[in-house]
Amino acid sequence: NKEDAKCIFRLGNTQLNRALEYFKLEGYVTEHTLISRYISALYKLLSFFEDDLERIFLMIERRIKILETIRTQLNKQHF
């Protein structure tokens, strides 16, 4: 149900953001990128339980922002 999905999302999002604090992009590129992708996936999964289109669009925008931030920070010559 929607409330269970929100609870699981909050727990996962909190823990993944804590992991990002440790696995900084500089020094842990692979881990940081993977964790960011997991956060994006959490938003995607949560959107399946949402009925409000505006909230779904906000989740999509949040996913784009998360992934775009990683993309712009990676050096094309090295990755």
PDB file of N, CA and C in Angstrom:
ATOM      1  N   ASN A   1       0.824  -1.188   0.000  1.00  0.00           N
ATOM      2  CA  ASN A   1       0.000   0.000   0.000  1.00  0.00           C
ATOM      3  C   ASN A   1       0.872   1.256   0.000  1.00  0.00           C
ATOM      4  N   LYS A   2       0.243   2.381  -0.250  1.00  0.00           N
ATOM      5  CA  LYS A   2       0.964   3.644  -0.422  1.00  0.00           C
ATOM      6  C   LYS A   2       1.730   4.061   0.840  1.00  0.00           C
ATOM      7  N   GLU A   3       1.108   3.901   1.994  1.00  0.00           N
ATOM      8  CA  GLU A   3       1.770   4.303   3.244  1.00  0.00           C
ATOM      9  C   GLU A   3       2.990   3.438   3.550  1.00  0.00           C
ATOM     10  N   ASP A   4       2.892   2.152   3.281  1.00  0.00           N
ATOM     11  CA  ASP A   4       4.039   1.261   3.466  1.00  0.00           C
ATOM     12  C   ASP A   4       5.174   1.645   2.519  1.00  0.00           C
ATOM     13  N   ALA A   5       4.820   1.966   1.280  1.00  0.00           N
ATOM     14  CA  ALA A   5       5.823   2.366   0.290  1.00  0.00           C
ATOM     15  C   ALA A   5       6.528   3.640   0.736  1.00  0.00           C
ATOM     16  N   LYS A   6       5.766   4.597   1.263  1.00  0.00           N
ATOM     17  CA  LYS A   6       6.368   5.852   1.745  1.00  0.00           C
ATOM     18  C   LYS A   6       7.316   5.595   2.908  1.00  0.00           C
ATOM     19  N   CYS A   7       6.916   4.719   3.816  1.00  0.00           N
ATOM     20  CA  CYS A   7       7.758   4.393   4.970  1.00  0.00           C
ATOM     21  C   CYS A   7       9.061   3.737   4.519  1.00  0.00           C
ATOM     22  N   ILE A   8       8.966   2.779   3.628  1.00  0.00           N
ATOM     23  CA  ILE A   8      10.158   2.101   3.114  1.00  0.00           C
ATOM     24  C   ILE A   8      11.042   3.094   2.356  1.00  0.00           C
ATOM     25  N   PHE A   9      10.413   3.982   1.575  1.00  0.00           N
ATOM     26  CA  PHE A   9      11.169   4.994   0.851  1.00  0.00           C
ATOM     27  C   PHE A   9      11.962   5.858   1.817  1.00  0.00           C
ATOM     28  N   ARG A  10      11.305   6.347   2.863  1.00  0.00           N
ATOM     29  CA  ARG A  10      11.977   7.227   3.829  1.00  0.00           C
ATOM     30  C   ARG A  10      13.170   6.532   4.474  1.00  0.00           C
ATOM     31  N   LEU A  11      12.970   5.284   4.883  1.00  0.00           N
ATOM     32  CA  LEU A  11      14.064   4.531   5.510  1.00  0.00           C
ATOM     33  C   LEU A  11      15.230   4.353   4.542  1.00  0.00           C
ATOM     34  N   GLY A  12      14.926   3.911   3.337  1.00  0.00           N
ATOM     35  CA  GLY A  12      15.977   3.695   2.343  1.00  0.00           C
ATOM     36  C   GLY A  12      16.678   4.976   1.954  1.00  0.00           C
ATOM     37  N   ASN A  13      15.907   6.029   1.741  1.00  0.00           N
ATOM     38  CA  ASN A  13      16.465   7.319   1.347  1.00  0.00           C
ATOM     39  C   ASN A  13      17.389   7.870   2.438  1.00  0.00           C
ATOM     40  N   THR A  14      16.971   7.742   3.679  1.00  0.00           N
ATOM     41  CA  THR A  14      17.803   8.208   4.801  1.00  0.00           C
ATOM     42  C   THR A  14      19.133   7.474   4.836  1.00  0.00           C
ATOM     43  N   GLN A  15      19.080   6.154   4.733  1.00  0.00           N
ATOM     44  CA  GLN A  15      20.313   5.365   4.808  1.00  0.00           C
ATOM     45  C   GLN A  15      21.216   5.602   3.600  1.00  0.00           C
ATOM     46  N   LEU A  16      20.636   5.714   2.427  1.00  0.00           N
ATOM     47  CA  LEU A  16      21.451   5.959   1.237  1.00  0.00           C
ATOM     48  C   LEU A  16      22.096   7.334   1.275  1.00  0.00           C
ATOM     49  N   ASN A  17      21.388   8.329   1.782  1.00  0.00           N
ATOM     50  CA  ASN A  17      21.989   9.663   1.904  1.00  0.00           C
ATOM     51  C   ASN A  17      23.099   9.677   2.950  1.00  0.00           C
ATOM     52  N   ARG A  18      22.944   8.872   3.998  1.00  0.00           N
ATOM     53  CA  ARG A  18      24.045   8.732   4.970  1.00  0.00           C
ATOM     54  C   ARG A  18      25.267   8.099   4.295  1.00  0.00           C
ATOM     55  N   ALA A  19      25.011   7.108   3.456  1.00  0.00           N
ATOM     56  CA  ALA A  19      26.116   6.459   2.744  1.00  0.00           C
ATOM     57  C   ALA A  19      26.815   7.448   1.824  1.00  0.00           C
ATOM     58  N   LEU A  20      26.050   8.352   1.183  1.00  0.00           N
ATOM     59  CA  LEU A  20      26.667   9.358   0.314  1.00  0.00           C
ATOM     60  C   LEU A  20      27.586  10.298   1.100  1.00  0.00           C
ATOM     61  N   GLU A  21      27.268  10.541   2.361  1.00  0.00           N
ATOM     62  CA  GLU A  21      28.129  11.390   3.190  1.00  0.00           C
ATOM     63  C   GLU A  21      29.498  10.752   3.376  1.00  0.00           C
ATOM     64  N   TYR A  22      29.537   9.439   3.444  1.00  0.00           N
ATOM     65  CA  TYR A  22      30.808   8.731   3.605  1.00  0.00           C
ATOM     66  C   TYR A  22      31.494   8.519   2.257  1.00  0.00           C
ATOM     67  N   PHE A  23      30.742   8.021   1.286  1.00  0.00           N
ATOM     68  CA  PHE A  23      31.297   7.711  -0.029  1.00  0.00           C
ATOM     69  C   PHE A  23      31.209   8.947  -0.930  1.00  0.00           C
ATOM     70  N   LYS A  24      32.104   9.876  -0.693  1.00  0.00           N
ATOM     71  CA  LYS A  24      32.157  11.108  -1.482  1.00  0.00           C
ATOM     72  C   LYS A  24      32.545  10.780  -2.915  1.00  0.00           C
ATOM     73  N   LEU A  25      32.139  11.657  -3.832  1.00  0.00           N
ATOM     74  CA  LEU A  25      32.432  11.425  -5.239  1.00  0.00           C
ATOM     75  C   LEU A  25      33.934  11.341  -5.481  1.00  0.00           C
ATOM     76  N   GLU A  26      34.670  12.240  -4.844  1.00  0.00           N
ATOM     77  CA  GLU A  26      36.127  12.184  -4.977  1.00  0.00           C
ATOM     78  C   GLU A  26      36.649  11.079  -4.068  1.00  0.00           C
ATOM     79  N   GLY A  27      37.157  10.052  -4.657  1.00  0.00           N
ATOM     80  CA  GLY A  27      37.711   8.936  -3.900  1.00  0.00           C
ATOM     81  C   GLY A  27      36.861   7.677  -3.994  1.00  0.00           C
ATOM     82  N   TYR A  28      35.572   7.829  -4.157  1.00  0.00           N
ATOM     83  CA  TYR A  28      34.659   6.687  -4.224  1.00  0.00           C
ATOM     84  C   TYR A  28      33.680   6.871  -5.380  1.00  0.00           C
ATOM     85  N   VAL A  29      34.206   7.106  -6.554  1.00  0.00           N
ATOM     86  CA  VAL A  29      33.355   7.424  -7.714  1.00  0.00           C
ATOM     87  C   VAL A  29      32.327   6.329  -7.984  1.00  0.00           C
ATOM     88  N   THR A  30      32.771   5.094  -8.049  1.00  0.00           N
ATOM     89  CA  THR A  30      31.866   3.989  -8.364  1.00  0.00           C
ATOM     90  C   THR A  30      30.771   3.857  -7.311  1.00  0.00           C
ATOM     91  N   GLU A  31      31.167   3.863  -6.045  1.00  0.00           N
ATOM     92  CA  GLU A  31      30.196   3.711  -4.966  1.00  0.00           C
ATOM     93  C   GLU A  31      29.218   4.883  -4.922  1.00  0.00           C
ATOM     94  N   HIS A  32      29.740   6.103  -5.051  1.00  0.00           N
ATOM     95  CA  HIS A  32      28.901   7.298  -5.011  1.00  0.00           C
ATOM     96  C   HIS A  32      27.882   7.282  -6.152  1.00  0.00           C
ATOM     97  N   THR A  33      28.335   6.925  -7.321  1.00  0.00           N
ATOM     98  CA  THR A  33      27.453   6.862  -8.483  1.00  0.00           C
ATOM     99  C   THR A  33      26.381   5.794  -8.292  1.00  0.00           C
ATOM    100  N   LEU A  34      26.766   4.643  -7.807  1.00  0.00           N
ATOM    101  CA  LEU A  34      25.816   3.557  -7.583  1.00  0.00           C
ATOM    102  C   LEU A  34      24.769   3.938  -6.536  1.00  0.00           C
ATOM    103  N   ILE A  35      25.198   4.544  -5.449  1.00  0.00           N
ATOM    104  CA  ILE A  35      24.266   4.968  -4.403  1.00  0.00           C
ATOM    105  C   ILE A  35      23.297   6.016  -4.947  1.00  0.00           C
ATOM    106  N   SER A  36      23.798   6.942  -5.742  1.00  0.00           N
ATOM    107  CA  SER A  36      22.920   7.952  -6.345  1.00  0.00           C
ATOM    108  C   SER A  36      21.893   7.289  -7.261  1.00  0.00           C
ATOM    109  N   ARG A  37      22.309   6.289  -7.989  1.00  0.00           N
ATOM    110  CA  ARG A  37      21.366   5.558  -8.851  1.00  0.00           C
ATOM    111  C   ARG A  37      20.326   4.815  -8.022  1.00  0.00           C
ATOM    112  N   TYR A  38      20.729   4.297  -6.866  1.00  0.00           N
ATOM    113  CA  TYR A  38      19.766   3.640  -5.974  1.00  0.00           C
ATOM    114  C   TYR A  38      18.723   4.639  -5.462  1.00  0.00           C
ATOM    115  N   ILE A  39      19.175   5.834  -5.116  1.00  0.00           N
ATOM    116  CA  ILE A  39      18.244   6.869  -4.652  1.00  0.00           C
ATOM    117  C   ILE A  39      17.259   7.212  -5.763  1.00  0.00           C
ATOM    118  N   SER A  40      17.767   7.363  -6.970  1.00  0.00           N
ATOM    119  CA  SER A  40      16.898   7.625  -8.113  1.00  0.00           C
ATOM    120  C   SER A  40      15.881   6.501  -8.289  1.00  0.00           C
ATOM    121  N   ALA A  41      16.323   5.268  -8.124  1.00  0.00           N
ATOM    122  CA  ALA A  41      15.425   4.116  -8.259  1.00  0.00           C
ATOM    123  C   ALA A  41      14.348   4.115  -7.172  1.00  0.00           C
ATOM    124  N   LEU A  42      14.703   4.568  -5.967  1.00  0.00           N
ATOM    125  CA  LEU A  42      13.699   4.670  -4.909  1.00  0.00           C
ATOM    126  C   LEU A  42      12.562   5.608  -5.316  1.00  0.00           C
ATOM    127  N   TYR A  43      12.922   6.747  -5.891  1.00  0.00           N
ATOM    128  CA  TYR A  43      11.898   7.689  -6.353  1.00  0.00           C
ATOM    129  C   TYR A  43      11.041   7.053  -7.452  1.00  0.00           C
ATOM    130  N   LYS A  44      11.675   6.320  -8.341  1.00  0.00           N
ATOM    131  CA  LYS A  44      10.934   5.661  -9.420  1.00  0.00           C
ATOM    132  C   LYS A  44       9.930   4.664  -8.847  1.00  0.00           C
ATOM    133  N   LEU A  45      10.379   3.859  -7.900  1.00  0.00           N
ATOM    134  CA  LEU A  45       9.496   2.864  -7.305  1.00  0.00           C
ATOM    135  C   LEU A  45       8.365   3.507  -6.520  1.00  0.00           C
ATOM    136  N   LEU A  46       8.672   4.574  -5.794  1.00  0.00           N
ATOM    137  CA  LEU A  46       7.635   5.271  -5.031  1.00  0.00           C
ATOM    138  C   LEU A  46       6.583   5.871  -5.953  1.00  0.00           C
ATOM    139  N   SER A  47       6.990   6.319  -7.118  1.00  0.00           N
ATOM    140  CA  SER A  47       6.042   6.953  -8.033  1.00  0.00           C
ATOM    141  C   SER A  47       4.951   5.982  -8.496  1.00  0.00           C
ATOM    142  N   PHE A  48       5.218   4.683  -8.472  1.00  0.00           N
ATOM    143  CA  PHE A  48       4.204   3.698  -8.853  1.00  0.00           C
ATOM    144  C   PHE A  48       3.018   3.697  -7.895  1.00  0.00           C
ATOM    145  N   PHE A  49       3.232   4.143  -6.663  1.00  0.00           N
ATOM    146  CA  PHE A  49       2.180   4.151  -5.654  1.00  0.00           C
ATOM    147  C   PHE A  49       1.448   5.490  -5.585  1.00  0.00           C
ATOM    148  N   GLU A  50       1.894   6.454  -6.368  1.00  0.00           N
ATOM    149  CA  GLU A  50       1.335   7.804  -6.323  1.00  0.00           C
ATOM    150  C   GLU A  50       0.219   7.966  -7.352  1.00  0.00           C
ATOM    151  N   ASP A  51      -0.855   8.622  -6.937  1.00  0.00           N
ATOM    152  CA  ASP A  51      -1.989   8.885  -7.824  1.00  0.00           C
ATOM    153  C   ASP A  51      -1.947  10.301  -8.404  1.00  0.00           C
ATOM    154  N   ASP A  52      -1.306  11.204  -7.692  1.00  0.00           N
ATOM    155  CA  ASP A  52      -1.266  12.610  -8.078  1.00  0.00           C
ATOM    156  C   ASP A  52      -0.179  12.834  -9.141  1.00  0.00           C
ATOM    157  N   LEU A  53      -0.608  13.228 -10.344  1.00  0.00           N
ATOM    158  CA  LEU A  53       0.356  13.418 -11.439  1.00  0.00           C
ATOM    159  C   LEU A  53       1.405  14.473 -11.120  1.00  0.00           C
ATOM    160  N   GLU A  54       1.011  15.525 -10.437  1.00  0.00           N
ATOM    161  CA  GLU A  54       1.975  16.579 -10.110  1.00  0.00           C
ATOM    162  C   GLU A  54       3.080  16.040  -9.212  1.00  0.00           C
ATOM    163  N   ARG A  55       2.721  15.202  -8.241  1.00  0.00           N
ATOM    164  CA  ARG A  55       3.733  14.602  -7.367  1.00  0.00           C
ATOM    165  C   ARG A  55       4.625  13.634  -8.151  1.00  0.00           C
ATOM    166  N   ILE A  56       4.042  12.922  -9.096  1.00  0.00           N
ATOM    167  CA  ILE A  56       4.837  12.021  -9.940  1.00  0.00           C
ATOM    168  C   ILE A  56       5.854  12.826 -10.746  1.00  0.00           C
ATOM    169  N   PHE A  57       5.417  13.933 -11.314  1.00  0.00           N
ATOM    170  CA  PHE A  57       6.338  14.782 -12.081  1.00  0.00           C
ATOM    171  C   PHE A  57       7.441  15.343 -11.194  1.00  0.00           C
ATOM    172  N   LEU A  58       7.112  15.701  -9.955  1.00  0.00           N
ATOM    173  CA  LEU A  58       8.132  16.192  -9.033  1.00  0.00           C
ATOM    174  C   LEU A  58       9.163  15.103  -8.728  1.00  0.00           C
ATOM    175  N   MET A  59       8.699  13.860  -8.604  1.00  0.00           N
ATOM    176  CA  MET A  59       9.631  12.750  -8.368  1.00  0.00           C
ATOM    177  C   MET A  59      10.529  12.530  -9.583  1.00  0.00           C
ATOM    178  N   ILE A  60       9.963  12.656 -10.763  1.00  0.00           N
ATOM    179  CA  ILE A  60      10.760  12.513 -11.984  1.00  0.00           C
ATOM    180  C   ILE A  60      11.803  13.624 -12.060  1.00  0.00           C
ATOM    181  N   GLU A  61      11.396  14.852 -11.741  1.00  0.00           N
ATOM    182  CA  GLU A  61      12.343  15.971 -11.739  1.00  0.00           C
ATOM    183  C   GLU A  61      13.449  15.741 -10.721  1.00  0.00           C
ATOM    184  N   ARG A  62      13.109  15.191  -9.564  1.00  0.00           N
ATOM    185  CA  ARG A  62      14.112  14.912  -8.537  1.00  0.00           C
ATOM    186  C   ARG A  62      15.102  13.859  -9.037  1.00  0.00           C
ATOM    187  N   ARG A  63      14.579  12.828  -9.722  1.00  0.00           N
ATOM    188  CA  ARG A  63      15.451  11.802 -10.283  1.00  0.00           C
ATOM    189  C   ARG A  63      16.420  12.402 -11.294  1.00  0.00           C
ATOM    190  N   ILE A  64      15.900  13.266 -12.154  1.00  0.00           N
ATOM    191  CA  ILE A  64      16.730  13.915 -13.167  1.00  0.00           C
ATOM    192  C   ILE A  64      17.822  14.733 -12.492  1.00  0.00           C
ATOM    193  N   LYS A  65      17.461  15.488 -11.470  1.00  0.00           N
ATOM    194  CA  LYS A  65      18.434  16.331 -10.767  1.00  0.00           C
ATOM    195  C   LYS A  65      19.544  15.483 -10.146  1.00  0.00           C
ATOM    196  N   ILE A  66      19.167  14.375  -9.525  1.00  0.00           N
ATOM    197  CA  ILE A  66      20.158  13.496  -8.897  1.00  0.00           C
ATOM    198  C   ILE A  66      21.136  12.961  -9.939  1.00  0.00           C
ATOM    199  N   LEU A  67      20.598  12.445 -11.024  1.00  0.00           N
ATOM    200  CA  LEU A  67      21.452  11.831 -12.051  1.00  0.00           C
ATOM    201  C   LEU A  67      22.230  12.873 -12.847  1.00  0.00           C
ATOM    202  N   GLU A  68      21.627  14.025 -13.089  1.00  0.00           N
ATOM    203  CA  GLU A  68      22.308  15.095 -13.827  1.00  0.00           C
ATOM    204  C   GLU A  68      23.492  15.633 -13.025  1.00  0.00           C
ATOM    205  N   THR A  69      23.328  15.721 -11.725  1.00  0.00           N
ATOM    206  CA  THR A  69      24.427  16.187 -10.867  1.00  0.00           C
ATOM    207  C   THR A  69      25.638  15.267 -11.006  1.00  0.00           C
ATOM    208  N   ILE A  70      25.399  13.980 -10.987  1.00  0.00           N
ATOM    209  CA  ILE A  70      26.498  13.014 -11.157  1.00  0.00           C
ATOM    210  C   ILE A  70      27.119  13.164 -12.544  1.00  0.00           C
ATOM    211  N   ARG A  71      26.278  13.242 -13.553  1.00  0.00           N
ATOM    212  CA  ARG A  71      26.773  13.324 -14.933  1.00  0.00           C
ATOM    213  C   ARG A  71      27.667  14.539 -15.132  1.00  0.00           C
ATOM    214  N   THR A  72      27.282  15.663 -14.589  1.00  0.00           N
ATOM    215  CA  THR A  72      28.071  16.882 -14.801  1.00  0.00           C
ATOM    216  C   THR A  72      29.377  16.877 -14.018  1.00  0.00           C
ATOM    217  N   GLN A  73      29.434  16.093 -12.950  1.00  0.00           N
ATOM    218  CA  GLN A  73      30.642  16.076 -12.119  1.00  0.00           C
ATOM    219  C   GLN A  73      31.686  15.072 -12.598  1.00  0.00           C
ATOM    220  N   LEU A  74      31.281  14.136 -13.427  1.00  0.00           N
ATOM    221  CA  LEU A  74      32.247  13.141 -13.903  1.00  0.00           C
ATOM    222  C   LEU A  74      33.070  13.707 -15.046  1.00  0.00           C
ATOM    223  N   ASN A  75      34.337  13.409 -15.037  1.00  0.00           N
ATOM    224  CA  ASN A  75      35.253  13.864 -16.072  1.00  0.00           C
ATOM    225  C   ASN A  75      35.213  12.873 -17.225  1.00  0.00           C
ATOM    226  N   LYS A  76      34.862  13.334 -18.411  1.00  0.00           N
ATOM    227  CA  LYS A  76      34.727  12.456 -19.578  1.00  0.00           C
ATOM    228  C   LYS A  76      36.044  11.752 -19.933  1.00  0.00           C
ATOM    229  N   GLN A  77      37.173  12.374 -19.635  1.00  0.00           N
ATOM    230  CA  GLN A  77      38.444  11.770 -19.978  1.00  0.00           C
ATOM    231  C   GLN A  77      38.767  10.562 -19.093  1.00  0.00           C
ATOM    232  N   HIS A  78      38.201  10.518 -17.911  1.00  0.00           N
ATOM    233  CA  HIS A  78      38.531   9.436 -16.985  1.00  0.00           C
ATOM    234  C   HIS A  78      37.455   8.380 -16.878  1.00  0.00           C
ATOM    235  N   PHE A  79      36.208   8.720 -17.224  1.00  0.00           N
ATOM    236  CA  PHE A  79      35.121   7.763 -17.035  1.00  0.00           C
ATOM    237  C   PHE A  79      34.338   7.575 -18.278  1.00  0.00           C
TER     238      PHE A  79
END
